[in-house]
Amino acid sequence: MLYDCHIHSTCSTDGRNTMEEMAQASFKKGVGYICFTDHCDIDDYMTGLPIEGSYDHREKTIRMFEEAVKKAPSGLQLHLGMELGGGNHDLQRAKKIAASPELDFVLGSLHNLKGKKDFYEYSYESMAQCHELMDEYATELIELAGMDFFDTMAHIGYTIRYMRRDGFDVSFNLEGYGDKIEVLLKTLIQNGRGLEINCSGLGRERIDAPMPEVEILRLYRQLGGEIITIGSDAHSVSRAASGLRQGFDILRQLGYKYITVFEKRKPRFIKI
């Protein structure tokens, strides 16, 4: 059975299908456990300025989830989580949102630097610009890793999606950012936070790798990391369950024995 702990619906501004549609499509591809993690960002993706109504879609999310549960196929487990972006930019607000009692799981993500737009919105013009932004990104990830409002950190290496889109062959790896990445992983472990293997880049042009890259997943395990979740990061039915089987294979090859799921913010370890 496949597990997917990072999946979006139309409760995310970039989602294309309802939770019911995403659940049905995922189930047909062998997924037996889903935790919906729609976006809740602290900042506006275009400006980097704070959004006061970050979780204004809360009631819509709960209603859609309840409807999906009613119509879920037999054998499919559904849970409700959140991808909480930029929580290090306003820790108190992030803590308040993450404490919402309906949530089983909170992914901590970073789509933009403090006061700056989403990495998606940049036009990348030089390798120097890419490296400068990734160095700042690594620093903010370390800051986020020291906070306790989330359960696992999402898609480490998010920046490369868009830098490669614009033609720059960059990587967020140990060769370029080893010192900071090691500090990041150690901080997550010491703080009792986990790591996500995000499968959205597997099989896709210009990336074809998980986030974080395999060598970072290997180092996390070597350092004693045990909490790891897996997600497709699908935003449409066409991407449902995408990369999950390959993601599980990568974890097994690296010697991982378990993945983690969260229910009411408590971890449960699943043998793989």
Protein backbone atom coordinates (compact mmCIF):
# COMPACT_ATOMS: atom_id res chain seq x y z
CA MET A 1 0.00 0.00 0.00
CA LEU A 2 1.23 3.48 -0.86
CA TYR A 3 1.10 6.43 1.54
CA ASP A 4 0.86 10.07 0.49
CA CYS A 5 1.40 12.74 3.13
CA HIS A 6 1.70 15.73 0.80
CA ILE A 7 -1.18 16.32 -1.59
CA HIS A 8 -3.23 19.37 -2.59
CA SER A 9 -6.79 20.18 -3.61
CA THR A 10 -8.70 23.28 -4.71
CA CYS A 11 -8.29 24.52 -1.13
CA SER A 12 -4.83 25.50 -2.37
CA THR A 13 -4.77 28.42 -4.80
CA ASP A 14 -2.74 26.31 -7.24
CA GLY A 15 -4.80 23.13 -6.74
CA ARG A 16 -6.83 21.83 -9.69
CA ASN A 17 -9.17 19.21 -8.21
CA THR A 18 -11.31 18.63 -5.13
CA MET A 19 -10.23 16.36 -2.29
CA GLU A 20 -12.76 13.78 -3.41
CA GLU A 21 -11.33 13.78 -6.93
CA MET A 22 -7.75 13.60 -5.67
CA ALA A 23 -8.64 10.76 -3.31
CA GLN A 24 -10.35 8.73 -6.02
CA ALA A 25 -7.47 9.22 -8.47
CA SER A 26 -4.86 8.32 -5.84
CA PHE A 27 -6.75 5.21 -4.74
CA LYS A 28 -6.87 3.94 -8.33
CA LYS A 29 -3.06 4.15 -8.38
CA GLY A 30 -2.58 2.10 -5.21
CA VAL A 31 -2.64 4.74 -2.48
CA GLY A 32 -4.33 3.55 0.70
CA TYR A 33 -3.47 6.46 3.01
CA ILE A 34 -3.74 10.18 2.23
CA CYS A 35 -3.12 13.23 4.35
CA PHE A 36 -4.27 16.39 2.56
CA THR A 37 -1.83 19.26 3.03
CA ASP A 38 -3.24 22.34 1.36
CA HIS A 39 -1.24 25.54 1.41
CA CYS A 40 -1.41 28.03 4.25
CA ASP A 41 1.27 30.67 3.67
CA ILE A 42 2.28 33.38 6.09
CA ASP A 43 3.32 35.70 3.23
CA ASP A 44 1.84 36.73 -0.11
CA TYR A 45 3.66 34.79 -2.84
CA MET A 46 3.87 37.82 -5.15
CA THR A 47 5.16 40.40 -2.68
CA GLY A 48 6.55 38.59 0.35
CA LEU A 49 4.39 40.77 2.57
CA PRO A 50 2.39 39.22 5.45
CA ILE A 51 -1.11 37.87 4.77
CA GLU A 52 -3.46 38.51 7.65
CA GLY A 53 -5.99 35.91 6.52
CA SER A 54 -3.61 33.01 5.95
CA TYR A 55 -6.14 30.41 7.09
CA ASP A 56 -9.33 32.09 5.91
CA HIS A 57 -10.07 28.93 3.91
CA ARG A 58 -10.29 26.86 7.11
CA GLU A 59 -14.06 26.26 6.97
CA LYS A 60 -13.93 25.42 3.26
CA THR A 61 -11.10 22.96 3.93
CA ILE A 62 -12.95 21.19 6.73
CA ARG A 63 -16.18 20.94 4.70
CA MET A 64 -14.39 19.57 1.65
CA PHE A 65 -12.50 17.06 3.76
CA GLU A 66 -15.65 15.83 5.49
CA GLU A 67 -17.32 15.37 2.08
CA ALA A 68 -14.31 13.44 0.78
CA VAL A 69 -14.38 11.15 3.82
CA LYS A 70 -18.06 10.36 3.21
CA LYS A 71 -17.36 9.37 -0.41
CA ALA A 72 -13.98 7.68 0.07
CA PRO A 73 -13.61 4.14 -1.32
CA SER A 74 -13.51 1.33 1.21
CA GLY A 75 -9.91 0.78 2.27
CA LEU A 76 -8.76 4.36 1.79
CA GLN A 77 -7.76 6.26 4.93
CA LEU A 78 -8.07 10.04 4.77
CA HIS A 79 -6.50 12.54 7.15
CA LEU A 80 -6.29 16.32 7.22
CA GLY A 81 -3.05 18.23 7.45
CA MET A 82 -1.55 21.47 6.17
CA GLU A 83 1.51 22.81 4.38
CA LEU A 84 2.35 25.86 6.47
CA GLY A 85 4.72 28.08 4.52
CA GLY A 86 7.10 30.66 5.94
CA GLY A 87 6.28 30.01 9.58
CA ASN A 88 9.70 31.34 10.62
CA HIS A 89 8.57 34.76 9.35
CA ASP A 90 5.91 35.05 12.06
CA LEU A 91 6.36 32.32 14.66
CA GLN A 92 3.45 33.30 16.90
CA ARG A 93 0.96 33.30 14.05
CA ALA A 94 2.35 30.03 12.72
CA LYS A 95 1.95 28.41 16.14
CA LYS A 96 -1.63 29.59 16.41
CA ILE A 97 -2.57 28.23 12.99
CA ALA A 98 -0.73 24.93 13.52
CA ALA A 99 -2.61 24.39 16.80
CA SER A 100 -5.95 24.11 14.92
CA PRO A 101 -7.51 20.93 16.37
CA GLU A 102 -8.67 19.49 13.03
CA LEU A 103 -5.08 18.98 11.87
CA ASP A 104 -3.37 15.60 11.97
CA PHE A 105 -0.12 16.78 10.44
CA VAL A 106 1.76 20.00 9.64
CA LEU A 107 4.42 20.27 6.96
CA GLY A 108 6.78 23.18 7.45
CA SER A 109 7.83 24.69 4.13
CA LEU A 110 9.71 27.68 2.79
CA HIS A 111 8.62 29.12 -0.57
CA ASN A 112 10.08 32.60 -0.12
CA LEU A 113 12.70 34.46 1.86
CA LYS A 114 11.69 37.12 4.39
CA GLY A 115 10.17 40.07 2.60
CA LYS A 116 10.74 38.55 -0.83
CA LYS A 117 8.49 36.90 -3.41
CA ASP A 118 8.11 33.16 -3.97
CA PHE A 119 11.08 31.51 -5.71
CA TYR A 120 8.58 30.57 -8.42
CA GLU A 121 8.12 34.25 -9.30
CA TYR A 122 11.78 35.10 -9.96
CA SER A 123 13.38 35.44 -13.36
CA TYR A 124 16.79 33.88 -12.78
CA GLU A 125 19.54 35.63 -14.69
CA SER A 126 22.89 34.30 -13.44
CA MET A 127 24.55 31.50 -11.49
CA ALA A 128 25.72 34.09 -8.97
CA GLN A 129 22.12 35.13 -8.32
CA CYS A 130 21.07 31.49 -7.91
CA HIS A 131 23.85 30.72 -5.44
CA GLU A 132 23.21 33.86 -3.41
CA LEU A 133 19.52 33.04 -3.08
CA MET A 134 20.19 29.40 -2.21
CA ASP A 135 22.66 30.39 0.47
CA GLU A 136 19.98 32.63 2.03
CA TYR A 137 17.47 29.81 1.61
CA ALA A 138 19.73 27.39 3.51
CA THR A 139 20.12 29.90 6.34
CA GLU A 140 16.35 30.32 6.67
CA LEU A 141 15.79 26.55 6.57
CA ILE A 142 18.11 26.21 9.58
CA GLU A 143 16.09 28.89 11.39
CA LEU A 144 12.85 27.07 10.56
CA ALA A 145 14.30 23.72 11.69
CA GLY A 146 14.72 25.09 15.21
CA MET A 147 10.98 25.80 15.56
CA ASP A 148 8.41 23.39 16.93
CA PHE A 149 5.09 24.24 15.25
CA PHE A 150 5.53 21.73 12.39
CA ASP A 151 6.12 17.97 12.17
CA THR A 152 8.31 17.47 9.10
CA MET A 153 10.12 19.83 6.75
CA ALA A 154 8.82 19.88 3.17
CA HIS A 155 10.69 19.70 -0.14
CA ILE A 156 14.21 20.75 0.84
CA GLY A 157 15.70 22.06 -2.40
CA TYR A 158 12.48 23.73 -3.61
CA THR A 159 14.56 26.49 -5.21
CA ILE A 160 16.05 24.29 -7.92
CA ARG A 161 12.65 23.70 -9.58
CA TYR A 162 12.60 27.25 -10.89
CA MET A 163 16.30 27.91 -11.31
CA ARG A 164 16.50 24.91 -13.64
CA ARG A 165 13.30 26.05 -15.35
CA ASP A 166 15.20 29.19 -16.33
CA GLY A 167 18.17 27.22 -17.62
CA PHE A 168 20.58 27.18 -14.66
CA ASP A 169 21.98 23.73 -13.81
CA VAL A 170 22.16 24.18 -10.05
CA SER A 171 21.74 21.71 -7.21
CA PHE A 172 21.08 22.01 -3.51
CA ASN A 173 23.54 19.34 -2.45
CA LEU A 174 26.37 18.52 -0.07
CA GLU A 175 29.07 19.62 -2.49
CA GLY A 176 27.82 23.18 -2.62
CA TYR A 177 26.08 23.62 0.74
CA GLY A 178 27.35 20.71 2.86
CA ASP A 179 28.11 22.64 6.03
CA LYS A 180 24.70 24.29 6.18
CA ILE A 181 22.85 21.15 5.19
CA GLU A 182 24.52 19.18 7.98
CA VAL A 183 23.57 21.87 10.50
CA LEU A 184 20.02 21.83 9.12
CA LEU A 185 19.66 18.05 9.49
CA LYS A 186 21.19 18.00 12.96
CA THR A 187 18.86 20.81 14.05
CA LEU A 188 15.81 18.91 12.79
CA ILE A 189 16.88 15.77 14.64
CA GLN A 190 17.74 17.55 17.88
CA ASN A 191 14.42 19.42 17.75
CA GLY A 192 12.39 16.24 17.19
CA ARG A 193 11.28 17.36 13.73
CA GLY A 194 11.23 15.11 10.67
CA LEU A 195 12.14 15.23 7.00
CA GLU A 196 10.00 14.73 3.92
CA ILE A 197 10.98 12.86 0.78
CA ASN A 198 9.09 14.85 -1.82
CA CYS A 199 8.57 12.77 -4.97
CA SER A 200 7.27 15.51 -7.28
CA GLY A 201 10.53 15.83 -9.21
CA LEU A 202 10.98 12.13 -9.94
CA GLY A 203 10.60 11.39 -13.64
CA ARG A 204 10.28 15.06 -14.54
CA GLU A 205 12.40 16.90 -17.04
CA ARG A 206 15.33 18.93 -15.64
CA ILE A 207 14.98 17.44 -12.15
CA ASP A 208 14.36 13.65 -12.02
CA ALA A 209 15.33 13.46 -8.36
CA PRO A 210 13.57 13.59 -5.01
CA MET A 211 13.68 16.62 -2.76
CA PRO A 212 15.95 16.56 -0.89
CA GLU A 213 18.48 14.78 -3.09
CA VAL A 214 19.47 11.19 -2.30
CA GLU A 215 22.77 12.12 -0.65
CA ILE A 216 20.93 14.34 1.85
CA LEU A 217 18.46 11.56 2.62
CA ARG A 218 21.44 9.26 3.21
CA LEU A 219 23.14 11.77 5.54
CA TYR A 220 19.92 12.30 7.51
CA ARG A 221 19.80 8.57 8.26
CA GLN A 222 23.53 8.43 9.09
CA LEU A 223 23.07 11.28 11.58
CA GLY A 224 20.31 9.33 13.32
CA GLY A 225 17.24 10.79 11.65
CA GLU A 226 14.23 8.51 11.98
CA ILE A 227 11.14 10.62 11.21
CA ILE A 228 10.54 10.67 7.46
CA THR A 229 7.28 11.23 5.58
CA ILE A 230 6.65 10.69 1.87
CA GLY A 231 4.52 12.75 -0.49
CA SER A 232 3.66 13.19 -4.16
CA ASP A 233 3.02 16.94 -3.79
CA ALA A 234 0.31 16.41 -6.43
CA HIS A 235 -1.85 19.40 -7.33
CA SER A 236 -4.03 17.65 -9.92
CA VAL A 237 -5.47 14.21 -10.62
CA SER A 238 -2.97 13.77 -13.46
CA ARG A 239 -0.17 13.85 -10.88
CA ALA A 240 -1.88 11.74 -8.21
CA ALA A 241 0.55 9.22 -6.63
CA SER A 242 3.31 10.51 -8.90
CA GLY A 243 6.75 9.26 -7.90
CA LEU A 244 5.60 7.46 -4.76
CA ARG A 245 6.69 3.97 -5.79
CA GLN A 246 10.12 5.22 -6.79
CA GLY A 247 10.32 7.21 -3.55
CA PHE A 248 9.66 4.09 -1.48
CA ASP A 249 12.34 2.24 -3.49
CA ILE A 250 14.87 5.01 -2.78
CA LEU A 251 14.19 4.81 0.95
CA ARG A 252 14.60 1.03 0.98
CA GLN A 253 17.87 1.29 -0.96
CA LEU A 254 19.16 3.78 1.60
CA GLY A 255 18.35 1.39 4.43
CA TYR A 256 15.22 3.04 5.81
CA LYS A 257 12.94 0.52 7.50
CA TYR A 258 9.97 2.80 8.23
CA ILE A 259 8.11 5.84 7.04
CA THR A 260 6.12 8.05 9.39
CA VAL A 261 2.53 9.20 9.36
CA PHE A 262 0.99 11.63 11.83
CA GLU A 263 -2.43 11.42 13.42
CA LYS A 264 -3.48 14.26 15.72
CA ARG A 265 0.15 15.41 15.51
CA LYS A 266 1.47 12.13 16.94
CA PRO A 267 3.91 10.05 14.85
CA ARG A 268 3.19 6.47 13.85
CA PHE A 269 5.88 4.38 12.16
CA ILE A 270 4.93 2.19 9.19
CA LYS A 271 7.24 -0.63 8.08
CA ILE A 272 8.16 -0.47 4.40
